[in-house]
Amino acid sequence: MKNLLLASLILLFAASGCALKPTRQHDVFNERAELPREEAAHERNSLEWWYFTGHLRDKATGETFGVEYVFFHFNINGKRDWQMVNFALTDPQQKQFRYDYKVTRLPGLLPATLPLNLSARKKNETWTLTGQEGRYHLRGRMAEHAGQAIDLTTTPAKPVLLHNGTGYENYGDVARAGYYSYPRLATTGTLEIDGKVRQVEGELWYDRQWNGTSVMGKNIGWDWFSVQLDEPRTELMAYQLFDRKSDLVVSGGTHYGPDLNSQHLNAADFQLEVLDYWTSPHTKLRYPNKWRLRVPSQGYDLTITPVMPDQELTLKLIAGLKMHYWEGMCRVEGTHHGQPVKGNSYVEITNRGK
C-alpha cells in the first residue's frame, strides 16, 4: 500500500477551516473492483492515487535511475476537490536524489472519465498522466530543479493484479480500500538528468488505490514494499501498518507468480526483519534502511537494500507544517528454494518518529 501521511493533509485543511475528520460518504465499496471503471477518478473520493515507481536503465551506458511519479486526488469535506502531484528521481551513480511536488485546489470536481487525462502546473512546468489499463504516458519537468524531466510510455508486461483476489484489500479491522496494480510495466522513453537527455528502458510498478483516508491518522505509520524479481518473473507486495500509540500491527501482501497466479499473504505468511537503520541529517528522523523478507510458502529469503540511504522527501504544505517520508530505489538479492535470485524494489516508509 502507498500513502502520503494523510494526517498532515488533514492538518492542512484544519488550518484552512475544514473539519478534522474526513467524510467518507462518497467512497466506493464493492465486492470486487470493476475494471476499467475503477481506473477513472471516483467522484468526491476521500483519497485516491495513481502511483508509479521503478528502475530504468540508460540504453547507452547501462546506468540505472529510479522514478517516482504520482497523482493524488482527495476531497476532505465532500465538496472541494484537491490534487497533489509528487515527482522524484534517484541517481545512484552521483548519489543524487531530487524531488518536486505541487498541492492545488481544483476548479471543480475531477470527472470520472477514461482514458485518464490528469495534469498539474507548477510555475512554467506542466506534469501530465494520460492513458489507461497499463498503457500510460508520463511527462513532466521539475520546476524546482533545472534539467530533471521524464517522458515515458508504458505497456503491460503482465496482466493486472487484483490484491486480495478482489481488488479490495482488508487492513485488519482498520479499513478496507480498493487496490489493484500493474506490477510490471515495460517502459521506454527519456529521462533528463542534470540537463542530459538519456534514452531509457526498464519496468515500472503501478498502484491504483482509492478510499485511502480510513487507514490514516497521526499515530499510524506505514511500511510498503514492491519487489520485481528477474528470474523467476515474480512480483511481491508487502505492507505493515502500525499504530505507534496502541502497538497494533497489521500486515499483508500479495505474491504474483510467473504462471500469473496470485496468492494473498496474511501476516503469518511472511516475515519482515529490519537489518539496519538510517538517521536523516535533514530531519533527524530514524528510518529502517535494510530489510530481510521471507515468504516460506513460496521459498523466498530476500534482502532488500537501498541504492543510497538519502531518499527522504520533505513536503512543505503551509507555513509551519511539513510532512516527511522516505521512498526509495532498492536492490534485491537472496534465494528462491535455495537458488540465487535478484531483482528490483521500491520501498515507502511513512510517519516515523525520531
Protein backbone atom coordinates (compact mmCIF):
# COMPACT_ATOMS: atom_id res chain seq x y z
CA MET A 1 0.00 0.00 0.00
CA LYS A 2 1.06 3.52 -0.69
CA ASN A 3 0.11 6.75 1.02
CA LEU A 4 1.40 10.16 1.96
CA LEU A 5 0.70 10.89 5.60
CA LEU A 6 -2.93 11.84 5.36
CA ALA A 7 -2.67 13.12 8.92
CA SER A 8 -0.64 16.03 7.57
CA LEU A 9 -3.20 16.68 4.86
CA ILE A 10 -5.96 16.75 7.47
CA LEU A 11 -3.95 19.31 9.42
CA LEU A 12 -3.59 21.32 6.23
CA PHE A 13 -7.34 21.54 5.82
CA ALA A 14 -7.92 22.11 9.50
CA ALA A 15 -5.73 25.18 9.15
CA SER A 16 -7.99 26.23 6.28
CA GLY A 17 -11.09 25.93 8.44
CA CYS A 18 -12.26 22.46 7.36
CA ALA A 19 -13.37 19.68 9.68
CA LEU A 20 -10.62 17.48 11.04
CA LYS A 21 -12.42 14.20 10.30
CA PRO A 22 -12.69 13.49 6.57
CA THR A 23 -16.05 12.44 5.22
CA ARG A 24 -16.29 9.03 3.56
CA GLN A 25 -19.89 9.23 2.40
CA HIS A 26 -18.83 9.32 -1.27
CA ASP A 27 -16.27 6.50 -1.07
CA VAL A 28 -16.85 3.40 -3.20
CA PHE A 29 -17.02 -0.11 -1.70
CA ASN A 30 -17.91 -3.05 -3.93
CA GLU A 31 -17.41 -6.78 -3.62
CA ARG A 32 -14.94 -6.70 -6.50
CA ALA A 33 -13.10 -3.96 -8.35
CA GLU A 34 -14.73 -3.31 -11.71
CA LEU A 35 -12.20 -2.59 -14.44
CA PRO A 36 -11.63 -0.42 -16.31
CA ARG A 37 -14.16 1.74 -14.43
CA GLU A 38 -12.05 1.88 -11.26
CA GLU A 39 -9.19 3.41 -13.24
CA ALA A 40 -11.14 6.64 -13.55
CA ALA A 41 -11.42 9.14 -10.73
CA HIS A 42 -14.03 8.35 -8.08
CA GLU A 43 -16.14 11.45 -7.61
CA ARG A 44 -15.57 13.19 -4.25
CA ASN A 45 -13.39 10.30 -3.06
CA SER A 46 -11.78 10.95 0.31
CA LEU A 47 -8.35 9.95 -1.03
CA GLU A 48 -7.16 8.06 -4.11
CA TRP A 49 -3.99 7.84 -6.19
CA TRP A 50 -2.32 6.71 -9.41
CA TYR A 51 1.22 5.78 -8.40
CA PHE A 52 4.31 4.80 -10.44
CA THR A 53 7.71 3.68 -9.13
CA GLY A 54 10.52 1.77 -10.76
CA HIS A 55 14.02 1.30 -12.12
CA LEU A 56 15.11 2.49 -15.57
CA ARG A 57 18.36 1.83 -17.43
CA ASP A 58 20.26 4.11 -19.82
CA LYS A 59 20.41 2.14 -23.08
CA ALA A 60 23.82 3.55 -23.98
CA THR A 61 25.70 3.43 -20.66
CA GLY A 62 23.80 0.88 -18.59
CA GLU A 63 23.47 3.36 -15.71
CA THR A 64 20.32 2.94 -13.65
CA PHE A 65 17.89 5.51 -12.26
CA GLY A 66 14.83 5.45 -10.02
CA VAL A 67 11.49 7.16 -10.73
CA GLU A 68 8.54 8.05 -8.50
CA TYR A 69 5.59 9.79 -10.17
CA VAL A 70 2.17 10.03 -8.54
CA PHE A 71 -1.13 11.90 -8.78
CA PHE A 72 -3.29 12.14 -5.65
CA HIS A 73 -6.94 13.20 -5.68
CA PHE A 74 -8.73 13.91 -2.41
CA ASN A 75 -11.87 15.53 -1.09
CA ILE A 76 -11.87 16.11 2.65
CA ASN A 77 -15.34 17.60 3.18
CA GLY A 78 -17.28 16.10 0.25
CA LYS A 79 -17.41 19.47 -1.51
CA ARG A 80 -13.98 20.62 -2.66
CA ASP A 81 -11.56 18.58 -4.76
CA TRP A 82 -7.81 18.84 -4.27
CA GLN A 83 -4.85 17.31 -6.07
CA MET A 84 -1.27 16.63 -5.15
CA VAL A 85 1.49 15.53 -7.53
CA ASN A 86 4.83 14.07 -6.44
CA PHE A 87 7.78 13.57 -8.74
CA ALA A 88 11.20 12.17 -7.69
CA LEU A 89 14.35 10.95 -9.45
CA THR A 90 17.16 8.88 -7.91
CA ASP A 91 20.65 8.88 -9.47
CA PRO A 92 22.74 6.27 -7.60
CA GLN A 93 25.80 6.96 -9.74
CA GLN A 94 26.04 10.56 -8.49
CA LYS A 95 24.31 9.87 -5.14
CA GLN A 96 21.70 12.49 -6.04
CA PHE A 97 18.04 12.47 -5.05
CA ARG A 98 15.78 15.24 -6.33
CA TYR A 99 12.05 15.73 -5.99
CA ASP A 100 9.30 18.22 -6.67
CA TYR A 101 5.61 18.41 -5.73
CA LYS A 102 2.52 20.56 -6.03
CA VAL A 103 -0.71 20.77 -4.00
CA THR A 104 -3.61 22.55 -5.69
CA ARG A 105 -7.31 23.09 -5.20
CA LEU A 106 -9.08 22.00 -8.37
CA PRO A 107 -11.56 24.40 -10.01
CA GLY A 108 -14.27 21.73 -9.95
CA LEU A 109 -14.84 18.06 -9.24
CA LEU A 110 -12.48 15.69 -11.01
CA PRO A 111 -14.59 13.87 -13.64
CA ALA A 112 -14.77 10.07 -13.78
CA THR A 113 -13.61 9.81 -17.40
CA LEU A 114 -11.33 7.48 -19.34
CA PRO A 115 -8.75 7.44 -20.66
CA LEU A 116 -7.03 9.27 -17.82
CA ASN A 117 -6.04 12.84 -18.54
CA LEU A 118 -4.56 14.20 -15.31
CA SER A 119 -2.42 17.32 -15.21
CA ALA A 120 -0.90 19.86 -12.85
CA ARG A 121 1.06 23.07 -13.32
CA LYS A 122 3.88 24.49 -11.23
CA LYS A 123 5.48 27.73 -12.31
CA ASN A 124 6.08 27.26 -16.06
CA GLU A 125 6.02 23.45 -15.99
CA THR A 126 3.14 21.05 -16.68
CA TRP A 127 3.01 17.49 -15.34
CA THR A 128 0.69 15.01 -17.07
CA LEU A 129 -0.54 11.43 -16.82
CA THR A 130 -2.63 10.03 -19.67
CA GLY A 131 -3.83 6.56 -20.70
CA GLN A 132 -5.47 3.53 -19.08
CA GLU A 133 -5.16 -0.20 -18.39
CA GLY A 134 -1.38 -0.33 -18.32
CA ARG A 135 -0.77 1.89 -21.34
CA TYR A 136 0.28 5.27 -19.99
CA HIS A 137 2.25 8.36 -20.90
CA LEU A 138 4.06 10.12 -18.06
CA ARG A 139 5.52 13.51 -18.80
CA GLY A 140 6.95 16.17 -16.50
CA ARG A 141 9.81 18.54 -15.81
CA MET A 142 10.75 19.63 -12.31
CA ALA A 143 10.13 23.28 -11.57
CA GLU A 144 12.44 23.39 -8.55
CA HIS A 145 15.39 21.55 -10.09
CA ALA A 146 16.51 22.55 -13.58
CA GLY A 147 17.41 19.79 -16.02
CA GLN A 148 15.33 16.99 -14.41
CA ALA A 149 12.50 15.55 -16.52
CA ILE A 150 10.69 12.40 -17.68
CA ASP A 151 8.88 11.46 -20.87
CA LEU A 152 7.88 7.78 -20.57
CA THR A 153 5.41 5.37 -22.15
CA THR A 154 4.36 2.03 -20.70
CA THR A 155 2.76 -1.23 -21.81
CA PRO A 156 1.77 -4.16 -19.55
CA ALA A 157 4.36 -6.92 -19.29
CA LYS A 158 1.95 -8.88 -17.05
CA PRO A 159 -1.83 -8.60 -16.59
CA VAL A 160 -3.45 -6.53 -13.90
CA LEU A 161 -3.19 -7.84 -10.32
CA LEU A 162 -6.26 -7.56 -8.06
CA HIS A 163 -4.97 -7.58 -4.50
CA ASN A 164 -6.77 -9.96 -2.14
CA GLY A 165 -8.22 -11.56 -5.29
CA THR A 166 -10.99 -8.96 -5.45
CA GLY A 167 -9.23 -5.60 -5.83
CA TYR A 168 -10.20 -4.70 -2.25
CA GLU A 169 -7.57 -5.03 0.46
CA ASN A 170 -8.61 -5.55 4.09
CA TYR A 171 -6.33 -3.81 6.59
CA GLY A 172 -7.43 -5.81 9.61
CA ASP A 173 -10.20 -4.04 11.48
CA VAL A 174 -8.78 -0.67 10.44
CA ALA A 175 -10.02 -0.25 6.89
CA ARG A 176 -10.98 -1.71 3.53
CA ALA A 177 -9.71 0.04 0.41
CA GLY A 178 -9.81 -0.58 -3.33
CA TYR A 179 -6.39 -1.69 -4.57
CA TYR A 180 -5.00 -3.16 -7.77
CA SER A 181 -1.66 -2.97 -9.56
CA TYR A 182 0.11 -3.39 -12.84
CA PRO A 183 3.25 -4.69 -11.14
CA ARG A 184 5.39 -4.91 -14.27
CA LEU A 185 5.01 -2.23 -16.93
CA ALA A 186 7.53 -2.33 -19.77
CA THR A 187 8.72 1.27 -20.02
CA THR A 188 10.63 3.25 -22.64
CA GLY A 189 11.31 6.92 -23.25
CA THR A 190 13.65 9.57 -21.94
CA LEU A 191 14.97 10.80 -18.64
CA GLU A 192 16.70 14.13 -18.33
CA ILE A 193 19.24 14.10 -15.51
CA ASP A 194 21.19 17.31 -14.85
CA GLY A 195 20.31 18.51 -18.34
CA LYS A 196 21.50 15.34 -20.10
CA VAL A 197 18.78 13.50 -22.05
CA ARG A 198 19.03 9.73 -21.80
CA GLN A 199 17.19 7.06 -23.74
CA VAL A 200 15.98 4.60 -21.14
CA GLU A 201 14.11 1.34 -20.73
CA GLY A 202 13.01 -0.70 -17.77
CA GLU A 203 9.98 -1.65 -15.72
CA LEU A 204 7.68 0.43 -13.54
CA TRP A 205 5.26 -0.72 -10.85
CA TYR A 206 1.83 0.97 -10.93
CA ASP A 207 -0.51 1.11 -7.94
CA ARG A 208 -4.13 2.23 -8.12
CA GLN A 209 -5.89 2.72 -4.81
CA TRP A 210 -8.96 4.54 -3.52
CA ASN A 211 -10.72 5.13 -0.17
CA GLY A 212 -7.35 5.72 1.47
CA THR A 213 -8.29 8.06 4.30
CA SER A 214 -9.67 5.37 6.55
CA VAL A 215 -6.23 3.88 7.11
CA MET A 216 -4.51 7.04 8.22
CA GLY A 217 -4.13 9.02 11.39
CA LYS A 218 -1.47 10.91 13.26
CA ASN A 219 -0.29 7.76 15.08
CA ILE A 220 -0.50 5.41 12.08
CA GLY A 221 2.65 4.54 10.14
CA TRP A 222 3.18 2.51 7.00
CA ASP A 223 5.96 0.43 5.51
CA TRP A 224 5.28 -0.67 1.90
CA PHE A 225 7.42 -2.87 -0.34
CA SER A 226 7.26 -3.77 -4.02
CA VAL A 227 9.59 -6.43 -5.39
CA GLN A 228 10.20 -7.38 -9.04
CA LEU A 229 12.41 -10.46 -9.36
CA ASP A 230 14.34 -11.07 -12.58
CA GLU A 231 14.00 -14.88 -12.61
CA PRO A 232 11.53 -16.25 -11.87
CA ARG A 233 9.49 -13.31 -13.15
CA THR A 234 7.71 -12.86 -9.86
CA GLU A 235 6.36 -9.83 -8.01
CA LEU A 236 5.77 -9.37 -4.30
CA MET A 237 3.87 -6.63 -2.46
CA ALA A 238 4.07 -6.43 1.31
CA TYR A 239 2.97 -3.84 3.83
CA GLN A 240 2.95 -3.23 7.56
CA LEU A 241 0.54 -0.82 9.21
CA PHE A 242 1.34 0.03 12.80
CA ASP A 243 -0.21 2.22 15.45
CA ARG A 244 2.56 3.85 17.45
CA LYS A 245 0.14 4.52 20.31
CA SER A 246 -1.53 1.14 20.75
CA ASP A 247 1.18 -1.16 19.29
CA LEU A 248 -1.37 -2.54 16.81
CA VAL A 249 0.33 -4.05 13.74
CA VAL A 250 -1.50 -5.13 10.59
CA SER A 251 0.47 -6.89 7.84
CA GLY A 252 -0.39 -8.30 4.45
CA GLY A 253 0.61 -8.56 0.84
CA THR A 254 0.43 -10.43 -2.46
CA HIS A 255 2.60 -12.94 -4.32
CA TYR A 256 2.22 -12.88 -8.14
CA GLY A 257 3.98 -15.74 -9.86
CA PRO A 258 5.26 -16.22 -13.42
CA ASP A 259 2.27 -18.50 -14.04
CA LEU A 260 0.03 -15.43 -13.41
CA ASN A 261 -1.46 -16.99 -10.29
CA SER A 262 -1.64 -14.73 -7.26
CA GLN A 263 -1.67 -15.57 -3.57
CA HIS A 264 -2.86 -13.24 -0.84
CA LEU A 265 -0.34 -13.06 2.00
CA ASN A 266 -1.58 -12.83 5.57
CA ALA A 267 0.62 -11.69 8.43
CA ALA A 268 1.61 -15.31 9.16
CA ASP A 269 2.71 -15.90 5.57
CA PHE A 270 5.80 -13.68 5.60
CA GLN A 271 8.38 -12.26 7.96
CA LEU A 272 9.90 -8.82 7.62
CA GLU A 273 13.02 -8.05 9.66
CA VAL A 274 14.84 -4.70 9.85
CA LEU A 275 18.59 -5.19 9.40
CA ASP A 276 19.80 -1.60 9.54
CA TYR A 277 18.69 1.98 10.18
CA TRP A 278 19.50 5.42 8.78
CA THR A 279 19.06 8.74 10.55
CA SER A 280 18.28 11.65 8.25
CA PRO A 281 20.75 14.55 8.56
CA HIS A 282 17.93 16.84 7.39
CA THR A 283 15.09 15.94 9.78
CA LYS A 284 16.83 13.71 12.37
CA LEU A 285 14.14 11.06 11.75
CA ARG A 286 15.29 7.44 12.03
CA TYR A 287 14.19 5.14 9.22
CA PRO A 288 14.67 1.41 8.65
CA ASN A 289 17.15 1.13 5.78
CA LYS A 290 17.71 -2.55 5.04
CA TRP A 291 15.34 -5.50 5.37
CA ARG A 292 15.09 -9.27 5.23
CA LEU A 293 11.86 -10.51 3.65
CA ARG A 294 10.98 -14.19 3.94
CA VAL A 295 7.98 -15.93 2.35
CA PRO A 296 8.38 -19.57 3.43
CA SER A 297 5.39 -20.91 1.46
CA GLN A 298 6.99 -19.66 -1.76
CA GLY A 299 10.59 -20.45 -0.79
CA TYR A 300 11.85 -16.85 -0.74
CA ASP A 301 14.52 -15.42 1.53
CA LEU A 302 15.35 -11.93 0.27
CA THR A 303 17.45 -8.97 1.38
CA ILE A 304 16.26 -5.50 0.28
CA THR A 305 18.93 -2.78 0.29
CA PRO A 306 18.56 0.89 -0.74
CA VAL A 307 20.88 2.00 -3.55
CA MET A 308 21.60 5.05 -1.35
CA PRO A 309 20.27 5.96 2.09
CA ASP A 310 19.18 9.55 1.49
CA GLN A 311 15.90 9.30 -0.42
CA GLU A 312 13.82 11.29 2.05
CA LEU A 313 11.17 13.80 0.96
CA THR A 314 10.02 16.83 2.92
CA LEU A 315 6.82 18.48 1.71
CA LYS A 316 6.08 21.99 2.94
CA LEU A 317 2.31 22.33 2.77
CA ILE A 318 1.62 25.54 4.67
CA ALA A 319 3.60 27.77 6.99
CA GLY A 320 4.83 25.72 9.92
CA LEU A 321 3.53 22.40 8.54
CA LYS A 322 5.81 19.86 6.88
CA MET A 323 5.48 16.18 6.23
CA HIS A 324 8.36 13.78 5.83
CA TYR A 325 8.57 10.32 4.33
CA TRP A 326 11.15 8.04 2.76
CA GLU A 327 10.59 6.45 -0.63
CA GLY A 328 13.50 4.85 -2.35
CA MET A 329 15.02 2.77 -5.09
CA CYS A 330 16.31 -0.56 -3.69
CA ARG A 331 18.06 -3.71 -4.89
CA VAL A 332 17.02 -7.25 -4.01
CA GLU A 333 19.22 -10.30 -3.55
CA GLY A 334 18.53 -13.64 -1.95
CA THR A 335 17.38 -17.16 -2.65
CA HIS A 336 14.34 -18.97 -4.04
CA HIS A 337 14.24 -22.56 -2.80
CA GLY A 338 17.96 -22.20 -2.16
CA GLN A 339 18.82 -20.88 -5.63
CA PRO A 340 20.22 -17.33 -6.05
CA VAL A 341 17.79 -14.63 -7.21
CA LYS A 342 17.98 -10.88 -7.65
CA GLY A 343 15.73 -8.03 -8.68
CA ASN A 344 14.48 -4.52 -8.01
CA SER A 345 12.37 -2.95 -5.32
CA TYR A 346 10.82 0.31 -4.18
CA VAL A 347 10.10 0.92 -0.50
CA GLU A 348 7.98 3.59 1.18
CA ILE A 349 8.19 4.45 4.88
CA THR A 350 5.86 7.00 6.45
CA ASN A 351 5.19 8.56 9.83
CA ARG A 352 8.35 7.54 11.65
CA GLY A 353 9.41 9.16 14.89
CA LYS A 354 12.85 10.36 15.87
